[in-house]
Amino acid sequence: MSRPFDHASARALTAALAALVTLPAVASAKPFRQGSLRPSVSLNGNSSGVGAGLGAAYCLVDGLEVEASVFHWFGSPSYTQLTPGVRYVFIQVPTAHPYIGAFYRRQIVHDDAYTGGDFVGGRAGAFIAVGKRTYLGAGLGYERRLSCDEDADLDGDGESGDCDGFFPELSFTLSF
């Protein structure tokens, strides 16, 4: 059974995103340097629907970013994901900047036949410069569902659930 839409979590993430977006980015800030801001937009789709998201990352000190995003899937089942996290970008490496990070994800499913949940995970990859403030990113992410029952049917397909998984990450980044 899914949990009802968590309005307090949604308001908290919206406030965090608003704070990140309104933080003053240093006009001469270089990507992944203290004061730089990386807004993000994500789009995804397959035969069961389409999804879209917004996010932002703010660099607290050179290489260390705090980030937050919200993603909504308009397919079946419909769900919303709220994801705060941290990422360290190794800016000492020229041209390609490896990164590692950790995140927490709250998934709210808007269909009683499916369950939402809480996840923790990590990511690793690299950003490759394609312009002065433009990067392509590629990596691999891992997430683990918290309070998971390996024998439960988590996605309604009649098979027992998998409590963890890997996923690819591809991104195009503009830094301000």
C-alpha atoms as a PDB file:
ATOM      1  CA  MET A   1       0.000   0.000   0.000  1.00  0.00           C
ATOM      2  CA  SER A   2       1.417   3.393  -0.919  1.00  0.00           C
ATOM      3  CA  ARG A   3       1.719   6.248   1.493  1.00  0.00           C
ATOM      4  CA  PRO A   4      -0.341   9.373   0.824  1.00  0.00           C
ATOM      5  CA  PHE A   5       1.468  12.291  -0.801  1.00  0.00           C
ATOM      6  CA  ASP A   6       3.815  13.709   1.818  1.00  0.00           C
ATOM      7  CA  HIS A   7       3.132  17.463   1.637  1.00  0.00           C
ATOM      8  CA  ALA A   8       5.689  18.338   4.348  1.00  0.00           C
ATOM      9  CA  SER A   9       8.500  16.603   2.411  1.00  0.00           C
ATOM     10  CA  ALA A  10       7.435  18.256  -0.834  1.00  0.00           C
ATOM     11  CA  ARG A  11       7.397  21.706   0.817  1.00  0.00           C
ATOM     12  CA  ALA A  12      10.812  21.092   2.411  1.00  0.00           C
ATOM     13  CA  LEU A  13      12.401  20.056  -0.883  1.00  0.00           C
ATOM     14  CA  THR A  14      10.767  22.967  -2.718  1.00  0.00           C
ATOM     15  CA  ALA A  15      12.179  25.370  -0.116  1.00  0.00           C
ATOM     16  CA  ALA A  16      15.636  23.763  -0.430  1.00  0.00           C
ATOM     17  CA  LEU A  17      15.557  24.048  -4.229  1.00  0.00           C
ATOM     18  CA  ALA A  18      14.430  27.677  -3.994  1.00  0.00           C
ATOM     19  CA  ALA A  19      17.283  28.420  -1.582  1.00  0.00           C
ATOM     20  CA  LEU A  20      19.832  26.779  -3.877  1.00  0.00           C
ATOM     21  CA  VAL A  21      18.546  28.636  -6.931  1.00  0.00           C
ATOM     22  CA  THR A  22      18.572  32.008  -5.178  1.00  0.00           C
ATOM     23  CA  LEU A  23      22.054  31.643  -3.671  1.00  0.00           C
ATOM     24  CA  PRO A  24      24.248  34.278  -5.258  1.00  0.00           C
ATOM     25  CA  ALA A  25      26.599  32.620  -7.729  1.00  0.00           C
ATOM     26  CA  VAL A  26      29.923  34.405  -8.039  1.00  0.00           C
ATOM     27  CA  ALA A  27      30.009  36.041 -11.477  1.00  0.00           C
ATOM     28  CA  SER A  28      33.527  34.801 -12.193  1.00  0.00           C
ATOM     29  CA  ALA A  29      32.953  31.368 -10.617  1.00  0.00           C
ATOM     30  CA  LYS A  30      34.436  28.467 -12.543  1.00  0.00           C
ATOM     31  CA  PRO A  31      32.572  25.172 -12.753  1.00  0.00           C
ATOM     32  CA  PHE A  32      32.811  23.073  -9.574  1.00  0.00           C
ATOM     33  CA  ARG A  33      34.453  25.970  -7.690  1.00  0.00           C
ATOM     34  CA  GLN A  34      33.103  27.582  -4.524  1.00  0.00           C
ATOM     35  CA  GLY A  35      30.026  29.659  -5.315  1.00  0.00           C
ATOM     36  CA  SER A  36      29.183  28.014  -8.646  1.00  0.00           C
ATOM     37  CA  LEU A  37      25.621  26.897  -9.315  1.00  0.00           C
ATOM     38  CA  ARG A  38      24.544  24.005 -11.558  1.00  0.00           C
ATOM     39  CA  PRO A  39      20.818  23.937 -12.371  1.00  0.00           C
ATOM     40  CA  SER A  40      19.548  20.729 -13.970  1.00  0.00           C
ATOM     41  CA  VAL A  41      16.594  19.548 -16.008  1.00  0.00           C
ATOM     42  CA  SER A  42      15.899  15.868 -16.585  1.00  0.00           C
ATOM     43  CA  LEU A  43      13.632  14.162 -19.092  1.00  0.00           C
ATOM     44  CA  ASN A  44      12.958  10.454 -19.375  1.00  0.00           C
ATOM     45  CA  GLY A  45      10.505   8.291 -21.229  1.00  0.00           C
ATOM     46  CA  ASN A  46       9.609   4.802 -22.362  1.00  0.00           C
ATOM     47  CA  SER A  47       6.529   2.890 -23.498  1.00  0.00           C
ATOM     48  CA  SER A  48       4.847   3.275 -20.088  1.00  0.00           C
ATOM     49  CA  GLY A  49       5.125   7.048 -19.740  1.00  0.00           C
ATOM     50  CA  VAL A  50       7.271  10.126 -19.518  1.00  0.00           C
ATOM     51  CA  GLY A  51       9.009  11.889 -16.628  1.00  0.00           C
ATOM     52  CA  ALA A  52      10.546  15.281 -15.950  1.00  0.00           C
ATOM     53  CA  GLY A  53      12.554  16.814 -13.159  1.00  0.00           C
ATOM     54  CA  LEU A  54      14.299  19.932 -11.885  1.00  0.00           C
ATOM     55  CA  GLY A  55      17.312  20.233  -9.642  1.00  0.00           C
ATOM     56  CA  ALA A  56      20.223  22.366  -8.574  1.00  0.00           C
ATOM     57  CA  ALA A  57      23.693  21.884  -7.135  1.00  0.00           C
ATOM     58  CA  TYR A  58      25.607  24.565  -5.268  1.00  0.00           C
ATOM     59  CA  CYS A  59      29.352  24.326  -4.644  1.00  0.00           C
ATOM     60  CA  LEU A  60      30.067  25.049  -0.960  1.00  0.00           C
ATOM     61  CA  VAL A  61      33.855  24.785  -1.346  1.00  0.00           C
ATOM     62  CA  ASP A  62      35.961  23.869  -4.368  1.00  0.00           C
ATOM     63  CA  GLY A  63      34.735  20.478  -5.552  1.00  0.00           C
ATOM     64  CA  LEU A  64      32.077  19.872  -2.842  1.00  0.00           C
ATOM     65  CA  GLU A  65      28.470  20.309  -3.960  1.00  0.00           C
ATOM     66  CA  VAL A  66      25.143  20.013  -2.182  1.00  0.00           C
ATOM     67  CA  GLU A  67      22.327  19.127  -4.507  1.00  0.00           C
ATOM     68  CA  ALA A  68      18.579  18.600  -4.529  1.00  0.00           C
ATOM     69  CA  SER A  69      16.145  17.486  -7.199  1.00  0.00           C
ATOM     70  CA  VAL A  70      12.512  16.639  -7.719  1.00  0.00           C
ATOM     71  CA  PHE A  71      11.378  14.228 -10.461  1.00  0.00           C
ATOM     72  CA  HIS A  72       7.838  13.238 -11.463  1.00  0.00           C
ATOM     73  CA  TRP A  73       6.900  10.225 -13.593  1.00  0.00           C
ATOM     74  CA  PHE A  74       3.649  10.737 -15.523  1.00  0.00           C
ATOM     75  CA  GLY A  75       3.265   7.058 -16.440  1.00  0.00           C
ATOM     76  CA  SER A  76       1.635   4.148 -14.732  1.00  0.00           C
ATOM     77  CA  PRO A  77       2.160   4.144 -11.853  1.00  0.00           C
ATOM     78  CA  SER A  78       2.654   7.854 -11.351  1.00  0.00           C
ATOM     79  CA  TYR A  79       5.298   8.759  -8.763  1.00  0.00           C
ATOM     80  CA  THR A  80       7.375  11.649  -7.435  1.00  0.00           C
ATOM     81  CA  GLN A  81      10.982  11.399  -6.244  1.00  0.00           C
ATOM     82  CA  LEU A  82      12.620  13.912  -3.884  1.00  0.00           C
ATOM     83  CA  THR A  83      16.425  13.548  -3.816  1.00  0.00           C
ATOM     84  CA  PRO A  84      18.889  15.588  -1.738  1.00  0.00           C
ATOM     85  CA  GLY A  85      22.570  14.657  -1.873  1.00  0.00           C
ATOM     86  CA  VAL A  86      26.234  15.599  -1.845  1.00  0.00           C
ATOM     87  CA  ARG A  87      28.871  15.152  -4.524  1.00  0.00           C
ATOM     88  CA  TYR A  88      32.623  15.680  -4.574  1.00  0.00           C
ATOM     89  CA  VAL A  89      34.130  16.548  -7.959  1.00  0.00           C
ATOM     90  CA  PHE A  90      37.886  16.029  -8.273  1.00  0.00           C
ATOM     91  CA  ILE A  91      38.748  19.323  -9.985  1.00  0.00           C
ATOM     92  CA  GLN A  92      42.479  18.624  -9.668  1.00  0.00           C
ATOM     93  CA  VAL A  93      42.257  16.272 -12.669  1.00  0.00           C
ATOM     94  CA  PRO A  94      42.451  18.294 -15.922  1.00  0.00           C
ATOM     95  CA  THR A  95      39.796  17.950 -18.668  1.00  0.00           C
ATOM     96  CA  ALA A  96      37.874  15.016 -17.099  1.00  0.00           C
ATOM     97  CA  HIS A  97      36.748  15.518 -13.492  1.00  0.00           C
ATOM     98  CA  PRO A  98      35.893  12.262 -11.648  1.00  0.00           C
ATOM     99  CA  TYR A  99      33.144  12.485  -9.019  1.00  0.00           C
ATOM    100  CA  ILE A 100      31.729  10.484  -6.120  1.00  0.00           C
ATOM    101  CA  GLY A 101      28.552  11.208  -4.224  1.00  0.00           C
ATOM    102  CA  ALA A 102      25.833  10.016  -1.881  1.00  0.00           C
ATOM    103  CA  PHE A 103      22.094  10.677  -1.790  1.00  0.00           C
ATOM    104  CA  TYR A 104      18.823   9.968  -0.048  1.00  0.00           C
ATOM    105  CA  ARG A 105      15.676   9.494  -2.141  1.00  0.00           C
ATOM    106  CA  ARG A 106      12.037   9.583  -1.067  1.00  0.00           C
ATOM    107  CA  GLN A 107       9.714   8.036  -3.637  1.00  0.00           C
ATOM    108  CA  ILE A 108       6.008   8.812  -3.338  1.00  0.00           C
ATOM    109  CA  VAL A 109       3.800   6.571  -5.493  1.00  0.00           C
ATOM    110  CA  HIS A 110       0.385   7.940  -6.471  1.00  0.00           C
ATOM    111  CA  ASP A 111      -1.263   4.510  -6.946  1.00  0.00           C
ATOM    112  CA  ASP A 112      -2.454   2.196  -4.146  1.00  0.00           C
ATOM    113  CA  ALA A 113      -1.323  -0.928  -6.055  1.00  0.00           C
ATOM    114  CA  TYR A 114       2.364   0.031  -5.657  1.00  0.00           C
ATOM    115  CA  THR A 115       4.539   0.985  -2.727  1.00  0.00           C
ATOM    116  CA  GLY A 116       6.720   4.045  -2.382  1.00  0.00           C
ATOM    117  CA  GLY A 117       9.783   4.032  -0.232  1.00  0.00           C
ATOM    118  CA  ASP A 118      12.994   5.510   1.029  1.00  0.00           C
ATOM    119  CA  PHE A 119      16.342   4.833  -0.616  1.00  0.00           C
ATOM    120  CA  VAL A 120      19.992   5.615   0.026  1.00  0.00           C
ATOM    121  CA  GLY A 121      22.666   5.393  -2.587  1.00  0.00           C
ATOM    122  CA  GLY A 122      25.903   6.450  -4.124  1.00  0.00           C
ATOM    123  CA  ARG A 123      27.246   7.469  -7.501  1.00  0.00           C
ATOM    124  CA  ALA A 124      30.578   7.682  -9.285  1.00  0.00           C
ATOM    125  CA  GLY A 125      31.564   8.935 -12.700  1.00  0.00           C
ATOM    126  CA  ALA A 126      33.263  11.783 -14.485  1.00  0.00           C
ATOM    127  CA  PHE A 127      32.484  15.160 -16.049  1.00  0.00           C
ATOM    128  CA  ILE A 128      34.295  15.820 -19.338  1.00  0.00           C
ATOM    129  CA  ALA A 129      34.755  19.417 -20.498  1.00  0.00           C
ATOM    130  CA  VAL A 130      33.164  20.247 -23.852  1.00  0.00           C
ATOM    131  CA  GLY A 131      33.236  24.026 -23.383  1.00  0.00           C
ATOM    132  CA  LYS A 132      34.337  26.709 -20.919  1.00  0.00           C
ATOM    133  CA  ARG A 133      31.414  26.030 -18.531  1.00  0.00           C
ATOM    134  CA  THR A 134      29.873  23.040 -20.269  1.00  0.00           C
ATOM    135  CA  TYR A 135      30.427  19.398 -19.365  1.00  0.00           C
ATOM    136  CA  LEU A 136      29.149  15.979 -20.336  1.00  0.00           C
ATOM    137  CA  GLY A 137      28.794  13.606 -17.414  1.00  0.00           C
ATOM    138  CA  ALA A 138      28.690   9.825 -17.345  1.00  0.00           C
ATOM    139  CA  GLY A 139      28.608   7.513 -14.368  1.00  0.00           C
ATOM    140  CA  LEU A 140      27.019   4.685 -12.478  1.00  0.00           C
ATOM    141  CA  GLY A 141      24.639   4.972  -9.538  1.00  0.00           C
ATOM    142  CA  TYR A 142      23.581   2.463  -6.892  1.00  0.00           C
ATOM    143  CA  GLU A 143      20.572   2.639  -4.597  1.00  0.00           C
ATOM    144  CA  ARG A 144      19.252   0.480  -1.773  1.00  0.00           C
ATOM    145  CA  ARG A 145      15.637   0.514  -0.631  1.00  0.00           C
ATOM    146  CA  LEU A 146      15.407   0.967   3.136  1.00  0.00           C
ATOM    147  CA  SER A 147      13.090  -1.320   5.124  1.00  0.00           C
ATOM    148  CA  CYS A 148      13.001  -3.744   2.224  1.00  0.00           C
ATOM    149  CA  ASP A 149      11.585  -7.263   2.242  1.00  0.00           C
ATOM    150  CA  GLU A 150      13.454  -9.353  -0.368  1.00  0.00           C
ATOM    151  CA  ASP A 151      10.349 -11.578  -0.720  1.00  0.00           C
ATOM    152  CA  ALA A 152       7.830  -8.749  -1.293  1.00  0.00           C
ATOM    153  CA  ASP A 153       6.332  -7.913  -4.694  1.00  0.00           C
ATOM    154  CA  LEU A 154       7.473  -4.256  -4.774  1.00  0.00           C
ATOM    155  CA  ASP A 155       6.368  -3.324  -8.278  1.00  0.00           C
ATOM    156  CA  GLY A 156       3.164  -5.373  -8.685  1.00  0.00           C
ATOM    157  CA  ASP A 157       4.563  -7.696 -11.357  1.00  0.00           C
ATOM    158  CA  GLY A 158       3.961 -10.909  -9.382  1.00  0.00           C
ATOM    159  CA  GLU A 159       7.668 -11.464  -8.690  1.00  0.00           C
ATOM    160  CA  SER A 160       9.600 -10.866  -5.490  1.00  0.00           C
ATOM    161  CA  GLY A 161      11.266  -7.528  -5.173  1.00  0.00           C
ATOM    162  CA  ASP A 162      14.838  -6.503  -5.567  1.00  0.00           C
ATOM    163  CA  CYS A 163      15.926  -4.203  -2.774  1.00  0.00           C
ATOM    164  CA  ASP A 164      18.849  -2.638  -4.592  1.00  0.00           C
ATOM    165  CA  GLY A 165      19.992  -1.827  -8.074  1.00  0.00           C
ATOM    166  CA  PHE A 166      22.384  -0.010 -10.350  1.00  0.00           C
ATOM    167  CA  PHE A 167      21.520   2.659 -12.924  1.00  0.00           C
ATOM    168  CA  PRO A 168      23.447   4.666 -15.532  1.00  0.00           C
ATOM    169  CA  GLU A 169      23.848   8.436 -15.213  1.00  0.00           C
ATOM    170  CA  LEU A 170      24.228  10.651 -18.254  1.00  0.00           C
ATOM    171  CA  SER A 171      24.168  14.437 -18.015  1.00  0.00           C
ATOM    172  CA  PHE A 172      24.848  17.655 -19.862  1.00  0.00           C
ATOM    173  CA  THR A 173      25.947  20.347 -17.420  1.00  0.00           C
ATOM    174  CA  LEU A 174      26.030  24.137 -17.633  1.00  0.00           C
ATOM    175  CA  SER A 175      27.636  25.947 -14.715  1.00  0.00           C
ATOM    176  CA  PHE A 176      26.943  29.523 -13.580  1.00  0.00           C
END
